Amino acid sequence: METITLKVNDNVFDKFQWLINHFSKNEIDIVNDIDRSKLSPKDFDYISNEQMDKLQQISQDFKQGNKEDFEEYAI
């Protein structure tokens, strides 16, 4: 069984719950019911796959000695 995390707009949340309730426990199971009143915008910070790929490339470049785009700071 696959696990996914969804962010559902408040305008359709009731419809989404209605849909989920039409599946059996063998088909869909809510594994982590979230108290929405405790959420803040920082709970939804993420980095896209494109940004992650770019950061990994920068890291590889640095490890391979390509340090021309980096500055060293002495404290």
Protein backbone atom coordinates (compact mmCIF):
# COMPACT_ATOMS: atom_id res chain seq x y z
CA MET A 1 0.00 0.00 0.00
CA GLU A 2 1.32 3.46 -0.92
CA THR A 3 1.31 6.38 1.53
CA ILE A 4 0.74 9.94 0.37
CA THR A 5 0.33 13.32 2.06
CA LEU A 6 -2.25 15.71 0.67
CA LYS A 7 -3.02 19.34 1.33
CA VAL A 8 -6.73 19.82 0.71
CA ASN A 9 -8.32 23.25 0.31
CA ASP A 10 -10.83 24.11 3.04
CA ASN A 11 -13.49 24.70 0.37
CA VAL A 12 -13.43 21.03 -0.66
CA PHE A 13 -12.33 19.31 2.54
CA ASP A 14 -15.84 18.05 3.36
CA LYS A 15 -16.20 16.62 -0.14
CA PHE A 16 -12.80 14.99 0.17
CA GLN A 17 -13.76 13.37 3.48
CA TRP A 18 -17.00 12.19 1.89
CA LEU A 19 -15.01 10.57 -0.92
CA ILE A 20 -12.55 8.89 1.44
CA ASN A 21 -15.42 7.48 3.51
CA HIS A 22 -16.65 5.54 0.47
CA PHE A 23 -13.62 3.24 0.53
CA SER A 24 -13.14 0.29 2.83
CA LYS A 25 -10.38 0.10 5.44
CA ASN A 26 -8.63 -2.42 3.17
CA GLU A 27 -8.48 0.19 0.41
CA ILE A 28 -7.74 3.45 2.26
CA ASP A 29 -6.66 4.09 5.81
CA ILE A 30 -6.01 7.47 7.40
CA VAL A 31 -2.70 6.83 9.14
CA ASN A 32 -2.06 10.27 10.59
CA ASP A 33 -5.10 12.42 11.30
CA ILE A 34 -3.82 15.99 11.66
CA ASP A 35 -5.27 18.61 13.99
CA ARG A 36 -5.57 21.41 11.44
CA SER A 37 -5.87 24.07 14.15
CA LYS A 38 -2.22 23.44 15.10
CA LEU A 39 -0.80 23.90 11.58
CA SER A 40 1.14 26.93 10.46
CA PRO A 41 2.58 27.96 7.07
CA LYS A 42 6.02 26.68 8.09
CA ASP A 43 4.53 23.16 8.26
CA PHE A 44 4.28 23.28 4.47
CA ASP A 45 7.78 24.45 3.59
CA TYR A 46 9.33 22.24 0.96
CA ILE A 47 11.92 22.22 -1.75
CA SER A 48 10.97 21.23 -5.27
CA ASN A 49 12.70 18.41 -7.12
CA GLU A 50 14.18 20.99 -9.50
CA GLN A 51 15.66 22.99 -6.62
CA MET A 52 16.99 19.80 -5.01
CA ASP A 53 18.66 18.75 -8.28
CA LYS A 54 20.29 22.18 -8.58
CA LEU A 55 21.61 22.03 -5.01
CA GLN A 56 22.98 18.54 -5.56
CA GLN A 57 24.77 19.73 -8.70
CA ILE A 58 26.28 22.69 -6.81
CA SER A 59 27.43 20.31 -4.08
CA GLN A 60 29.03 17.95 -6.61
CA ASP A 61 30.75 20.87 -8.38
CA PHE A 62 32.19 22.07 -5.07
CA LYS A 63 33.39 18.59 -4.10
CA GLN A 64 35.11 18.25 -7.49
CA GLY A 65 37.03 21.47 -6.95
CA ASN A 66 34.91 23.93 -8.92
CA LYS A 67 34.91 26.63 -6.25
CA GLU A 68 34.96 29.74 -8.47
CA ASP A 69 31.37 30.67 -7.56
CA PHE A 70 32.04 30.38 -3.81
CA GLU A 71 33.49 32.91 -1.40
CA GLU A 72 35.25 32.02 1.82
CA TYR A 73 34.42 34.05 4.85
CA ALA A 74 36.77 34.36 7.78
CA ILE A 75 35.19 35.01 11.14
